[in-house]
Amino acid sequence: MDFTTIEIHQHYIVSQIKEGVDFEQKHLEAFYEVFETYFSGRPFVSIADRKNDYTINPNLLKDSRFKNLLGIGVVCYSEASYKNALFEKTFFKGKFETFYEMEACKEWALQLVEAYTESD
């Protein structure tokens, strides 16, 4: 996609939005297409790798159409990015965690999927 790079893993997706993007509804719809293609009927976690600066309308985080999305993890590289993510967390109804290390975020994602799978 022209606004992000995406890595698809078995239990999570890692996205890196490009510098300066104003993340809007059309971008969210593109993510939902990826979710439907790769995770239809399977639980997963979305990880945002925030190496770049971009803006997101936090109201988009209220959209909970995709029920298989167990949580959102945000990997931050600055205090400002971390504070923005904490603000965004208040808009999301599901699990939403902030991290400073990608590996810790991936471990959290795998734990969410494992806990969900065991409870099923």
PDB file of N, CA and C in Angstrom:
ATOM      1  N   MET A   1       0.843  -1.178   0.000  1.00  0.00           N
ATOM      2  CA  MET A   1       0.000   0.000   0.000  1.00  0.00           C
ATOM      3  C   MET A   1       0.889   1.242   0.000  1.00  0.00           C
ATOM      4  N   ASP A   2       0.373   2.302  -0.527  1.00  0.00           N
ATOM      5  CA  ASP A   2       1.192   3.497  -0.665  1.00  0.00           C
ATOM      6  C   ASP A   2       1.392   4.277   0.636  1.00  0.00           C
ATOM      7  N   PHE A   3       0.617   3.977   1.680  1.00  0.00           N
ATOM      8  CA  PHE A   3       0.725   4.731   2.925  1.00  0.00           C
ATOM      9  C   PHE A   3       1.386   3.949   4.065  1.00  0.00           C
ATOM     10  N   THR A   4       1.674   2.670   3.848  1.00  0.00           N
ATOM     11  CA  THR A   4       2.217   1.841   4.925  1.00  0.00           C
ATOM     12  C   THR A   4       2.969   0.642   4.357  1.00  0.00           C
ATOM     13  N   THR A   5       3.819   0.073   5.194  1.00  0.00           N
ATOM     14  CA  THR A   5       4.367  -1.251   4.906  1.00  0.00           C
ATOM     15  C   THR A   5       3.760  -2.194   5.940  1.00  0.00           C
ATOM     16  N   ILE A   6       3.541  -3.425   5.528  1.00  0.00           N
ATOM     17  CA  ILE A   6       2.884  -4.402   6.401  1.00  0.00           C
ATOM     18  C   ILE A   6       3.635  -5.719   6.342  1.00  0.00           C
ATOM     19  N   GLU A   7       3.827  -6.308   7.510  1.00  0.00           N
ATOM     20  CA  GLU A   7       4.347  -7.677   7.616  1.00  0.00           C
ATOM     21  C   GLU A   7       3.225  -8.537   8.186  1.00  0.00           C
ATOM     22  N   ILE A   8       2.936  -9.632   7.523  1.00  0.00           N
ATOM     23  CA  ILE A   8       1.912 -10.564   7.986  1.00  0.00           C
ATOM     24  C   ILE A   8       2.605 -11.738   8.666  1.00  0.00           C
ATOM     25  N   HIS A   9       2.240 -12.007   9.904  1.00  0.00           N
ATOM     26  CA  HIS A   9       2.753 -13.155  10.649  1.00  0.00           C
ATOM     27  C   HIS A   9       1.572 -14.057  10.990  1.00  0.00           C
ATOM     28  N   GLN A  10       1.842 -15.193  11.543  1.00  0.00           N
ATOM     29  CA  GLN A  10       0.767 -16.147  11.820  1.00  0.00           C
ATOM     30  C   GLN A  10      -0.289 -15.592  12.772  1.00  0.00           C
ATOM     31  N   HIS A  11       0.145 -14.878  13.815  1.00  0.00           N
ATOM     32  CA  HIS A  11      -0.802 -14.420  14.838  1.00  0.00           C
ATOM     33  C   HIS A  11      -0.883 -12.908  14.978  1.00  0.00           C
ATOM     34  N   TYR A  12      -0.133 -12.192  14.173  1.00  0.00           N
ATOM     35  CA  TYR A  12      -0.178 -10.728  14.259  1.00  0.00           C
ATOM     36  C   TYR A  12       0.269 -10.102  12.946  1.00  0.00           C
ATOM     37  N   ILE A  13      -0.052  -8.833  12.828  1.00  0.00           N
ATOM     38  CA  ILE A  13       0.350  -8.019  11.692  1.00  0.00           C
ATOM     39  C   ILE A  13       1.182  -6.858  12.252  1.00  0.00           C
ATOM     40  N   VAL A  14       2.257  -6.514  11.571  1.00  0.00           N
ATOM     41  CA  VAL A  14       3.073  -5.366  11.963  1.00  0.00           C
ATOM     42  C   VAL A  14       2.994  -4.345  10.833  1.00  0.00           C
ATOM     43  N   SER A  15       2.526  -3.149  11.176  1.00  0.00           N
ATOM     44  CA  SER A  15       2.434  -2.098  10.166  1.00  0.00           C
ATOM     45  C   SER A  15       3.309  -0.919  10.554  1.00  0.00           C
ATOM     46  N   GLN A  16       3.820  -0.262   9.541  1.00  0.00           N
ATOM     47  CA  GLN A  16       4.623   0.939   9.747  1.00  0.00           C
ATOM     48  C   GLN A  16       4.082   2.003   8.788  1.00  0.00           C
ATOM     49  N   ILE A  17       3.275   2.908   9.345  1.00  0.00           N
ATOM     50  CA  ILE A  17       2.689   3.983   8.555  1.00  0.00           C
ATOM     51  C   ILE A  17       3.816   4.924   8.121  1.00  0.00           C
ATOM     52  N   LYS A  18       3.737   5.411   6.911  1.00  0.00           N
ATOM     53  CA  LYS A  18       4.791   6.276   6.375  1.00  0.00           C
ATOM     54  C   LYS A  18       4.734   7.681   6.980  1.00  0.00           C
ATOM     55  N   GLU A  19       5.876   8.318   6.966  1.00  0.00           N
ATOM     56  CA  GLU A  19       6.056   9.657   7.515  1.00  0.00           C
ATOM     57  C   GLU A  19       5.036  10.638   6.925  1.00  0.00           C
ATOM     58  N   GLY A  20       4.400  11.400   7.818  1.00  0.00           N
ATOM     59  CA  GLY A  20       3.519  12.480   7.393  1.00  0.00           C
ATOM     60  C   GLY A  20       2.114  12.090   6.981  1.00  0.00           C
ATOM     61  N   VAL A  21       1.780  10.810   7.047  1.00  0.00           N
ATOM     62  CA  VAL A  21       0.435  10.366   6.642  1.00  0.00           C
ATOM     63  C   VAL A  21      -0.597  10.891   7.641  1.00  0.00           C
ATOM     64  N   ASP A  22      -1.741  11.305   7.121  1.00  0.00           N
ATOM     65  CA  ASP A  22      -2.895  11.668   7.937  1.00  0.00           C
ATOM     66  C   ASP A  22      -3.854  10.481   7.839  1.00  0.00           C
ATOM     67  N   PHE A  23      -3.781   9.576   8.822  1.00  0.00           N
ATOM     68  CA  PHE A  23      -4.517   8.314   8.784  1.00  0.00           C
ATOM     69  C   PHE A  23      -6.007   8.580   8.931  1.00  0.00           C
ATOM     70  N   GLU A  24      -6.772   8.179   7.905  1.00  0.00           N
ATOM     71  CA  GLU A  24      -8.199   8.457   7.843  1.00  0.00           C
ATOM     72  C   GLU A  24      -8.991   7.163   7.632  1.00  0.00           C
ATOM     73  N   GLN A  25     -10.296   7.311   7.486  1.00  0.00           N
ATOM     74  CA  GLN A  25     -11.196   6.170   7.304  1.00  0.00           C
ATOM     75  C   GLN A  25     -10.780   5.301   6.113  1.00  0.00           C
ATOM     76  N   LYS A  26     -10.366   5.906   5.004  1.00  0.00           N
ATOM     77  CA  LYS A  26      -9.978   5.119   3.825  1.00  0.00           C
ATOM     78  C   LYS A  26      -8.780   4.215   4.135  1.00  0.00           C
ATOM     79  N   HIS A  27      -7.884   4.665   4.997  1.00  0.00           N
ATOM     80  CA  HIS A  27      -6.739   3.839   5.386  1.00  0.00           C
ATOM     81  C   HIS A  27      -7.192   2.679   6.276  1.00  0.00           C
ATOM     82  N   LEU A  28      -8.115   2.970   7.178  1.00  0.00           N
ATOM     83  CA  LEU A  28      -8.654   1.921   8.039  1.00  0.00           C
ATOM     84  C   LEU A  28      -9.348   0.848   7.206  1.00  0.00           C
ATOM     85  N   GLU A  29     -10.083   1.269   6.193  1.00  0.00           N
ATOM     86  CA  GLU A  29     -10.766   0.305   5.318  1.00  0.00           C
ATOM     87  C   GLU A  29      -9.750  -0.593   4.610  1.00  0.00           C
ATOM     88  N   ALA A  30      -8.626  -0.020   4.206  1.00  0.00           N
ATOM     89  CA  ALA A  30      -7.579  -0.821   3.561  1.00  0.00           C
ATOM     90  C   ALA A  30      -7.018  -1.858   4.539  1.00  0.00           C
ATOM     91  N   PHE A  31      -6.848  -1.464   5.803  1.00  0.00           N
ATOM     92  CA  PHE A  31      -6.402  -2.416   6.816  1.00  0.00           C
ATOM     93  C   PHE A  31      -7.433  -3.527   6.990  1.00  0.00           C
ATOM     94  N   TYR A  32      -8.714  -3.180   6.991  1.00  0.00           N
ATOM     95  CA  TYR A  32      -9.756  -4.188   7.154  1.00  0.00           C
ATOM     96  C   TYR A  32      -9.745  -5.192   6.008  1.00  0.00           C
ATOM     97  N   GLU A  33      -9.402  -4.751   4.810  1.00  0.00           N
ATOM     98  CA  GLU A  33      -9.281  -5.681   3.688  1.00  0.00           C
ATOM     99  C   GLU A  33      -8.151  -6.688   3.940  1.00  0.00           C
ATOM    100  N   VAL A  34      -7.034  -6.199   4.476  1.00  0.00           N
ATOM    101  CA  VAL A  34      -5.917  -7.087   4.815  1.00  0.00           C
ATOM    102  C   VAL A  34      -6.346  -8.050   5.920  1.00  0.00           C
ATOM    103  N   PHE A  35      -7.020  -7.528   6.944  1.00  0.00           N
ATOM    104  CA  PHE A  35      -7.495  -8.382   8.042  1.00  0.00           C
ATOM    105  C   PHE A  35      -8.383  -9.500   7.501  1.00  0.00           C
ATOM    106  N   GLU A  36      -9.305  -9.139   6.625  1.00  0.00           N
ATOM    107  CA  GLU A  36     -10.238 -10.114   6.067  1.00  0.00           C
ATOM    108  C   GLU A  36      -9.508 -11.156   5.218  1.00  0.00           C
ATOM    109  N   THR A  37      -8.523 -10.724   4.455  1.00  0.00           N
ATOM    110  CA  THR A  37      -7.777 -11.633   3.579  1.00  0.00           C
ATOM    111  C   THR A  37      -6.939 -12.624   4.380  1.00  0.00           C
ATOM    112  N   TYR A  38      -6.243 -12.159   5.402  1.00  0.00           N
ATOM    113  CA  TYR A  38      -5.274 -13.006   6.097  1.00  0.00           C
ATOM    114  C   TYR A  38      -5.743 -13.565   7.434  1.00  0.00           C
ATOM    115  N   PHE A  39      -6.766 -12.954   8.049  1.00  0.00           N
ATOM    116  CA  PHE A  39      -7.151 -13.381   9.391  1.00  0.00           C
ATOM    117  C   PHE A  39      -8.644 -13.668   9.530  1.00  0.00           C
ATOM    118  N   SER A  40      -9.320 -13.924   8.447  1.00  0.00           N
ATOM    119  CA  SER A  40     -10.748 -14.222   8.505  1.00  0.00           C
ATOM    120  C   SER A  40     -10.979 -15.463   9.377  1.00  0.00           C
ATOM    121  N   GLY A  41     -11.739 -15.294  10.440  1.00  0.00           N
ATOM    122  CA  GLY A  41     -12.052 -16.409  11.325  1.00  0.00           C
ATOM    123  C   GLY A  41     -10.938 -16.805  12.277  1.00  0.00           C
ATOM    124  N   ARG A  42      -9.834 -16.054  12.287  1.00  0.00           N
ATOM    125  CA  ARG A  42      -8.716 -16.377  13.179  1.00  0.00           C
ATOM    126  C   ARG A  42      -8.392 -15.161  14.062  1.00  0.00           C
ATOM    127  N   PRO A  43      -8.108 -15.404  15.342  1.00  0.00           N
ATOM    128  CA  PRO A  43      -7.743 -14.293  16.215  1.00  0.00           C
ATOM    129  C   PRO A  43      -6.337 -13.780  15.887  1.00  0.00           C
ATOM    130  N   PHE A  44      -6.154 -12.470  16.033  1.00  0.00           N
ATOM    131  CA  PHE A  44      -4.848 -11.871  15.760  1.00  0.00           C
ATOM    132  C   PHE A  44      -4.725 -10.541  16.494  1.00  0.00           C
ATOM    133  N   VAL A  45      -3.522  -9.987  16.449  1.00  0.00           N
ATOM    134  CA  VAL A  45      -3.219  -8.691  17.070  1.00  0.00           C
ATOM    135  C   VAL A  45      -2.605  -7.794  15.996  1.00  0.00           C
ATOM    136  N   SER A  46      -2.920  -6.516  16.064  1.00  0.00           N
ATOM    137  CA  SER A  46      -2.334  -5.533  15.156  1.00  0.00           C
ATOM    138  C   SER A  46      -1.260  -4.756  15.913  1.00  0.00           C
ATOM    139  N   ILE A  47      -0.051  -4.727  15.363  1.00  0.00           N
ATOM    140  CA  ILE A  47       1.064  -4.011  15.968  1.00  0.00           C
ATOM    141  C   ILE A  47       1.416  -2.820  15.081  1.00  0.00           C
ATOM    142  N   ALA A  48       1.449  -1.636  15.694  1.00  0.00           N
ATOM    143  CA  ALA A  48       1.841  -0.412  14.990  1.00  0.00           C
ATOM    144  C   ALA A  48       3.287  -0.090  15.362  1.00  0.00           C
ATOM    145  N   ASP A  49       4.161  -0.132  14.379  1.00  0.00           N
ATOM    146  CA  ASP A  49       5.571   0.207  14.574  1.00  0.00           C
ATOM    147  C   ASP A  49       5.720   1.698  14.258  1.00  0.00           C
ATOM    148  N   ARG A  50       5.807   2.513  15.299  1.00  0.00           N
ATOM    149  CA  ARG A  50       5.748   3.970  15.138  1.00  0.00           C
ATOM    150  C   ARG A  50       7.118   4.619  14.959  1.00  0.00           C
ATOM    151  N   LYS A  51       7.877   4.130  14.000  1.00  0.00           N
ATOM    152  CA  LYS A  51       9.174   4.754  13.701  1.00  0.00           C
ATOM    153  C   LYS A  51       8.994   6.115  13.052  1.00  0.00           C
ATOM    154  N   ASN A  52       7.882   6.307  12.349  1.00  0.00           N
ATOM    155  CA  ASN A  52       7.628   7.554  11.635  1.00  0.00           C
ATOM    156  C   ASN A  52       6.566   8.376  12.347  1.00  0.00           C
ATOM    157  N   ASP A  53       6.580   9.675  12.091  1.00  0.00           N
ATOM    158  CA  ASP A  53       5.551  10.559  12.630  1.00  0.00           C
ATOM    159  C   ASP A  53       4.390  10.638  11.656  1.00  0.00           C
ATOM    160  N   TYR A  54       3.193  10.412  12.163  1.00  0.00           N
ATOM    161  CA  TYR A  54       1.967  10.536  11.384  1.00  0.00           C
ATOM    162  C   TYR A  54       0.834  10.846  12.337  1.00  0.00           C
ATOM    163  N   THR A  55      -0.281  11.244  11.813  1.00  0.00           N
ATOM    164  CA  THR A  55      -1.426  11.539  12.672  1.00  0.00           C
ATOM    165  C   THR A  55      -2.534  10.537  12.396  1.00  0.00           C
ATOM    166  N   ILE A  56      -3.282  10.233  13.443  1.00  0.00           N
ATOM    167  CA  ILE A  56      -4.431   9.346  13.319  1.00  0.00           C
ATOM    168  C   ILE A  56      -5.600   9.981  14.054  1.00  0.00           C
ATOM    169  N   ASN A  57      -6.748   9.939  13.442  1.00  0.00           N
ATOM    170  CA  ASN A  57      -7.951  10.407  14.112  1.00  0.00           C
ATOM    171  C   ASN A  57      -8.298   9.342  15.149  1.00  0.00           C
ATOM    172  N   PRO A  58      -8.194   9.652  16.445  1.00  0.00           N
ATOM    173  CA  PRO A  58      -8.419   8.624  17.464  1.00  0.00           C
ATOM    174  C   PRO A  58      -9.834   8.056  17.439  1.00  0.00           C
ATOM    175  N   ASN A  59     -10.785   8.787  16.874  1.00  0.00           N
ATOM    176  CA  ASN A  59     -12.146   8.256  16.777  1.00  0.00           C
ATOM    177  C   ASN A  59     -12.213   7.005  15.910  1.00  0.00           C
ATOM    178  N   LEU A  60     -11.245   6.831  15.010  1.00  0.00           N
ATOM    179  CA  LEU A  60     -11.209   5.614  14.195  1.00  0.00           C
ATOM    180  C   LEU A  60     -11.011   4.380  15.071  1.00  0.00           C
ATOM    181  N   LEU A  61     -10.408   4.561  16.232  1.00  0.00           N
ATOM    182  CA  LEU A  61     -10.162   3.431  17.130  1.00  0.00           C
ATOM    183  C   LEU A  61     -11.442   2.921  17.792  1.00  0.00           C
ATOM    184  N   LYS A  62     -12.512   3.672  17.661  1.00  0.00           N
ATOM    185  CA  LYS A  62     -13.808   3.233  18.214  1.00  0.00           C
ATOM    186  C   LYS A  62     -14.472   2.191  17.331  1.00  0.00           C
ATOM    187  N   ASP A  63     -14.023   2.077  16.083  1.00  0.00           N
ATOM    188  CA  ASP A  63     -14.591   1.134  15.127  1.00  0.00           C
ATOM    189  C   ASP A  63     -14.194  -0.286  15.533  1.00  0.00           C
ATOM    190  N   SER A  64     -15.165  -1.088  15.886  1.00  0.00           N
ATOM    191  CA  SER A  64     -14.856  -2.444  16.352  1.00  0.00           C
ATOM    192  C   SER A  64     -15.508  -3.501  15.463  1.00  0.00           C
ATOM    193  N   ARG A  65     -15.585  -3.218  14.172  1.00  0.00           N
ATOM    194  CA  ARG A  65     -16.225  -4.162  13.250  1.00  0.00           C
ATOM    195  C   ARG A  65     -15.495  -5.487  13.158  1.00  0.00           C
ATOM    196  N   PHE A  66     -14.180  -5.462  13.308  1.00  0.00           N
ATOM    197  CA  PHE A  66     -13.417  -6.692  13.097  1.00  0.00           C
ATOM    198  C   PHE A  66     -13.236  -7.413  14.430  1.00  0.00           C
ATOM    199  N   LYS A  67     -14.091  -8.379  14.690  1.00  0.00           N
ATOM    200  CA  LYS A  67     -14.162  -9.053  15.994  1.00  0.00           C
ATOM    201  C   LYS A  67     -12.962  -9.938  16.297  1.00  0.00           C
ATOM    202  N   ASN A  68     -12.228 -10.379  15.280  1.00  0.00           N
ATOM    203  CA  ASN A  68     -11.072 -11.249  15.503  1.00  0.00           C
ATOM    204  C   ASN A  68      -9.850 -10.485  15.984  1.00  0.00           C
ATOM    205  N   LEU A  69      -9.912  -9.158  15.947  1.00  0.00           N
ATOM    206  CA  LEU A  69      -8.804  -8.331  16.406  1.00  0.00           C
ATOM    207  C   LEU A  69      -8.810  -8.323  17.931  1.00  0.00           C
ATOM    208  N   LEU A  70      -7.860  -9.045  18.525  1.00  0.00           N
ATOM    209  CA  LEU A  70      -7.818  -9.186  19.976  1.00  0.00           C
ATOM    210  C   LEU A  70      -7.227  -7.972  20.676  1.00  0.00           C
ATOM    211  N   GLY A  71      -6.380  -7.226  19.986  1.00  0.00           N
ATOM    212  CA  GLY A  71      -5.764  -6.069  20.617  1.00  0.00           C
ATOM    213  C   GLY A  71      -4.870  -5.317  19.655  1.00  0.00           C
ATOM    214  N   ILE A  72      -4.444  -4.145  20.118  1.00  0.00           N
ATOM    215  CA  ILE A  72      -3.515  -3.306  19.372  1.00  0.00           C
ATOM    216  C   ILE A  72      -2.304  -3.046  20.253  1.00  0.00           C
ATOM    217  N   GLY A  73      -1.131  -3.297  19.704  1.00  0.00           N
ATOM    218  CA  GLY A  73       0.121  -2.968  20.375  1.00  0.00           C
ATOM    219  C   GLY A  73       0.810  -1.854  19.608  1.00  0.00           C
ATOM    220  N   VAL A  74       1.353  -0.884  20.327  1.00  0.00           N
ATOM    221  CA  VAL A  74       2.027   0.236  19.689  1.00  0.00           C
ATOM    222  C   VAL A  74       3.462   0.294  20.200  1.00  0.00           C
ATOM    223  N   VAL A  75       4.405   0.214  19.274  1.00  0.00           N
ATOM    224  CA  VAL A  75       5.826   0.304  19.616  1.00  0.00           C
ATOM    225  C   VAL A  75       6.261   1.741  19.365  1.00  0.00           C
ATOM    226  N   CYS A  76       6.711   2.403  20.433  1.00  0.00           N
ATOM    227  CA  CYS A  76       7.060   3.828  20.386  1.00  0.00           C
ATOM    228  C   CYS A  76       8.573   4.013  20.454  1.00  0.00           C
ATOM    229  N   TYR A  77       9.026   5.114  19.870  1.00  0.00           N
ATOM    230  CA  TYR A  77      10.456   5.420  19.837  1.00  0.00           C
ATOM    231  C   TYR A  77      10.771   6.768  20.468  1.00  0.00           C
ATOM    232  N   SER A  78       9.741   7.445  20.982  1.00  0.00           N
ATOM    233  CA  SER A  78       9.946   8.723  21.653  1.00  0.00           C
ATOM    234  C   SER A  78       8.896   8.887  22.743  1.00  0.00           C
ATOM    235  N   GLU A  79       9.172   9.772  23.662  1.00  0.00           N
ATOM    236  CA  GLU A  79       8.216  10.045  24.741  1.00  0.00           C
ATOM    237  C   GLU A  79       6.926  10.641  24.172  1.00  0.00           C
ATOM    238  N   ALA A  80       7.053  11.515  23.160  1.00  0.00           N
ATOM    239  CA  ALA A  80       5.870  12.125  22.549  1.00  0.00           C
ATOM    240  C   ALA A  80       4.980  11.058  21.898  1.00  0.00           C
ATOM    241  N   SER A  81       5.592  10.131  21.197  1.00  0.00           N
ATOM    242  CA  SER A  81       4.846   9.048  20.565  1.00  0.00           C
ATOM    243  C   SER A  81       4.152   8.189  21.626  1.00  0.00           C
ATOM    244  N   TYR A  82       4.849   7.928  22.713  1.00  0.00           N
ATOM    245  CA  TYR A  82       4.293   7.132  23.816  1.00  0.00           C
ATOM    246  C   TYR A  82       3.068   7.831  24.410  1.00  0.00           C
ATOM    247  N   LYS A  83       3.173   9.122  24.642  1.00  0.00           N
ATOM    248  CA  LYS A  83       2.051   9.889  25.212  1.00  0.00           C
ATOM    249  C   LYS A  83       0.866   9.919  24.253  1.00  0.00           C
ATOM    250  N   ASN A  84       1.130  10.060  22.961  1.00  0.00           N
ATOM    251  CA  ASN A  84       0.050  10.014  21.973  1.00  0.00           C
ATOM    252  C   ASN A  84      -0.664   8.671  22.007  1.00  0.00           C
ATOM    253  N   ALA A  85       0.112   7.598  22.098  1.00  0.00           N
ATOM    254  CA  ALA A  85      -0.476   6.255  22.142  1.00  0.00           C
ATOM    255  C   ALA A  85      -1.339   6.070  23.392  1.00  0.00           C
ATOM    256  N   LEU A  86      -0.884   6.601  24.523  1.00  0.00           N
ATOM    257  CA  LEU A  86      -1.691   6.507  25.751  1.00  0.00           C
ATOM    258  C   LEU A  86      -3.019   7.242  25.594  1.00  0.00           C
ATOM    259  N   PHE A  87      -3.007   8.374  24.898  1.00  0.00           N
ATOM    260  CA  PHE A  87      -4.239   9.108  24.615  1.00  0.00           C
ATOM    261  C   PHE A  87      -5.151   8.277  23.706  1.00  0.00           C
ATOM    262  N   GLU A  88      -4.583   7.700  22.659  1.00  0.00           N
ATOM    263  CA  GLU A  88      -5.359   6.891  21.719  1.00  0.00           C
ATOM    264  C   GLU A  88      -5.990   5.684  22.410  1.00  0.00           C
ATOM    265  N   LYS A  89      -5.291   5.166  23.405  1.00  0.00           N
ATOM    266  CA  LYS A  89      -5.773   3.990  24.142  1.00  0.00           C
ATOM    267  C   LYS A  89      -7.160   4.229  24.730  1.00  0.00           C
ATOM    268  N   THR A  90      -7.453   5.461  25.117  1.00  0.00           N
ATOM    269  CA  THR A  90      -8.741   5.766  25.742  1.00  0.00           C
ATOM    270  C   THR A  90      -9.912   5.615  24.763  1.00  0.00           C
ATOM    271  N   PHE A  91      -9.636   5.558  23.469  1.00  0.00           N
ATOM    272  CA  PHE A  91     -10.686   5.449  22.460  1.00  0.00           C
ATOM    273  C   PHE A  91     -10.967   4.001  22.061  1.00  0.00           C
ATOM    274  N   PHE A  92     -10.046   3.097  22.327  1.00  0.00           N
ATOM    275  CA  PHE A  92     -10.178   1.713  21.881  1.00  0.00           C
ATOM    276  C   PHE A  92     -10.799   0.871  22.983  1.00  0.00           C
ATOM    277  N   LYS A  93     -11.828   0.119  22.649  1.00  0.00           N
ATOM    278  CA  LYS A  93     -12.556  -0.673  23.648  1.00  0.00           C
ATOM    279  C   LYS A  93     -11.851  -1.975  24.029  1.00  0.00           C
ATOM    280  N   GLY A  94     -10.963  -2.444  23.185  1.00  0.00           N
ATOM    281  CA  GLY A  94     -10.279  -3.710  23.466  1.00  0.00           C
ATOM    282  C   GLY A  94      -8.947  -3.506  24.158  1.00  0.00           C
ATOM    283  N   LYS A  95      -8.118  -4.521  24.085  1.00  0.00           N
ATOM    284  CA  LYS A  95      -6.788  -4.455  24.693  1.00  0.00           C
ATOM    285  C   LYS A  95      -5.885  -3.576  23.821  1.00  0.00           C
ATOM    286  N   PHE A  96      -5.170  -2.674  24.476  1.00  0.00           N
ATOM    287  CA  PHE A  96      -4.308  -1.712  23.785  1.00  0.00           C
ATOM    288  C   PHE A  96      -3.132  -1.449  24.703  1.00  0.00           C
ATOM    289  N   GLU A  97      -1.936  -1.798  24.244  1.00  0.00           N
ATOM    290  CA  GLU A  97      -0.747  -1.617  25.077  1.00  0.00           C
ATOM    291  C   GLU A  97       0.337  -0.886  24.312  1.00  0.00           C
ATOM    292  N   THR A  98       1.160  -0.160  25.052  1.00  0.00           N
ATOM    293  CA  THR A  98       2.275   0.585  24.469  1.00  0.00           C
ATOM    294  C   THR A  98       3.591  -0.040  24.914  1.00  0.00           C
ATOM    295  N   PHE A  99       4.556  -0.003  24.027  1.00  0.00           N
ATOM    296  CA  PHE A  99       5.861  -0.623  24.262  1.00  0.00           C
ATOM    297  C   PHE A  99       6.972   0.262  23.712  1.00  0.00           C
ATOM    298  N   TYR A 100       8.167   0.036  24.224  1.00  0.00           N
ATOM    299  CA  TYR A 100       9.356   0.665  23.658  1.00  0.00           C
ATOM    300  C   TYR A 100      10.209  -0.331  22.883  1.00  0.00           C
ATOM    301  N   GLU A 101       9.852  -1.621  22.947  1.00  0.00           N
ATOM    302  CA  GLU A 101      10.621  -2.657  22.259  1.00  0.00           C
ATOM    303  C   GLU A 101       9.688  -3.561  21.462  1.00  0.00           C
ATOM    304  N   MET A 102      10.030  -3.803  20.211  1.00  0.00           N
ATOM    305  CA  MET A 102       9.215  -4.633  19.330  1.00  0.00           C
ATOM    306  C   MET A 102       9.070  -6.049  19.870  1.00  0.00           C
ATOM    307  N   GLU A 103      10.155  -6.633  20.364  1.00  0.00           N
ATOM    308  CA  GLU A 103      10.083  -8.019  20.846  1.00  0.00           C
ATOM    309  C   GLU A 103       9.093  -8.167  21.995  1.00  0.00           C
ATOM    310  N   ALA A 104       9.062  -7.200  22.895  1.00  0.00           N
ATOM    311  CA  ALA A 104       8.107  -7.244  24.008  1.00  0.00           C
ATOM    312  C   ALA A 104       6.676  -7.163  23.493  1.00  0.00           C
ATOM    313  N   CYS A 105       6.466  -6.359  22.478  1.00  0.00           N
ATOM    314  CA  CYS A 105       5.133  -6.230  21.888  1.00  0.00           C
ATOM    315  C   CYS A 105       4.710  -7.530  21.208  1.00  0.00           C
ATOM    316  N   LYS A 106       5.625  -8.149  20.482  1.00  0.00           N
ATOM    317  CA  LYS A 106       5.317  -9.422  19.814  1.00  0.00           C
ATOM    318  C   LYS A 106       5.000 -10.507  20.842  1.00  0.00           C
ATOM    319  N   GLU A 107       5.729 -10.542  21.943  1.00  0.00           N
ATOM    320  CA  GLU A 107       5.455 -11.523  22.999  1.00  0.00           C
ATOM    321  C   GLU A 107       4.062 -11.308  23.580  1.00  0.00           C
ATOM    322  N   TRP A 108       3.715 -10.043  23.816  1.00  0.00           N
ATOM    323  CA  TRP A 108       2.378  -9.712  24.328  1.00  0.00           C
ATOM    324  C   TRP A 108       1.304 -10.188  23.346  1.00  0.00           C
ATOM    325  N   ALA A 109       1.519  -9.943  22.065  1.00  0.00           N
ATOM    326  CA  ALA A 109       0.563 -10.360  21.041  1.00  0.00           C
ATOM    327  C   ALA A 109       0.365 -11.875  21.059  1.00  0.00           C
ATOM    328  N   LEU A 110       1.457 -12.602  21.122  1.00  0.00           N
ATOM    329  CA  LEU A 110       1.362 -14.067  21.144  1.00  0.00           C
ATOM    330  C   LEU A 110       0.652 -14.558  22.402  1.00  0.00           C
ATOM    331  N   GLN A 111       0.877 -13.894  23.526  1.00  0.00           N
ATOM    332  CA  GLN A 111       0.193 -14.265  24.766  1.00  0.00           C
ATOM    333  C   GLN A 111      -1.314 -14.034  24.654  1.00  0.00           C
ATOM    334  N   LEU A 112      -1.706 -12.932  24.018  1.00  0.00           N
ATOM    335  CA  LEU A 112      -3.136 -12.660  23.820  1.00  0.00           C
ATOM    336  C   LEU A 112      -3.793 -13.754  22.984  1.00  0.00           C
ATOM    337  N   VAL A 113      -3.144 -14.111  21.886  1.00  0.00           N
ATOM    338  CA  VAL A 113      -3.706 -15.142  21.008  1.00  0.00           C
ATOM    339  C   VAL A 113      -3.749 -16.489  21.723  1.00  0.00           C
ATOM    340  N   GLU A 114      -2.681 -16.815  22.442  1.00  0.00           N
ATOM    341  CA  GLU A 114      -2.633 -18.083  23.175  1.00  0.00           C
ATOM    342  C   GLU A 114      -3.738 -18.142  24.234  1.00  0.00           C
ATOM    343  N   ALA A 115      -3.926 -17.062  24.992  1.00  0.00           N
ATOM    344  CA  ALA A 115      -4.973 -17.039  26.012  1.00  0.00           C
ATOM    345  C   ALA A 115      -6.359 -17.163  25.390  1.00  0.00           C
ATOM    346  N   TYR A 116      -6.563 -16.511  24.272  1.00  0.00           N
ATOM    347  CA  TYR A 116      -7.844 -16.588  23.579  1.00  0.00           C
ATOM    348  C   TYR A 116      -8.099 -18.012  23.083  1.00  0.00           C
ATOM    349  N   THR A 117      -7.087 -18.623  22.500  1.00  0.00           N
ATOM    350  CA  THR A 117      -7.202 -19.975  21.942  1.00  0.00           C
ATOM    351  C   THR A 117      -7.480 -20.991  23.052  1.00  0.00           C
ATOM    352  N   GLU A 118      -6.819 -20.824  24.193  1.00  0.00           N
ATOM    353  CA  GLU A 118      -7.032 -21.758  25.314  1.00  0.00           C
ATOM    354  C   GLU A 118      -8.428 -21.610  25.901  1.00  0.00           C
ATOM    355  N   SER A 119      -8.987 -20.430  25.855  1.00  0.00           N
ATOM    356  CA  SER A 119     -10.316 -20.210  26.444  1.00  0.00           C
ATOM    357  C   SER A 119     -11.448 -20.651  25.513  1.00  0.00           C
ATOM    358  N   ASP A 120     -11.099 -20.907  24.268  1.00  0.00           N
ATOM    359  CA  ASP A 120     -12.092 -21.288  23.268  1.00  0.00           C
ATOM    360  C   ASP A 120     -12.516 -22.718  23.386  1.00  0.00           C
TER     361      ASP A 120
END
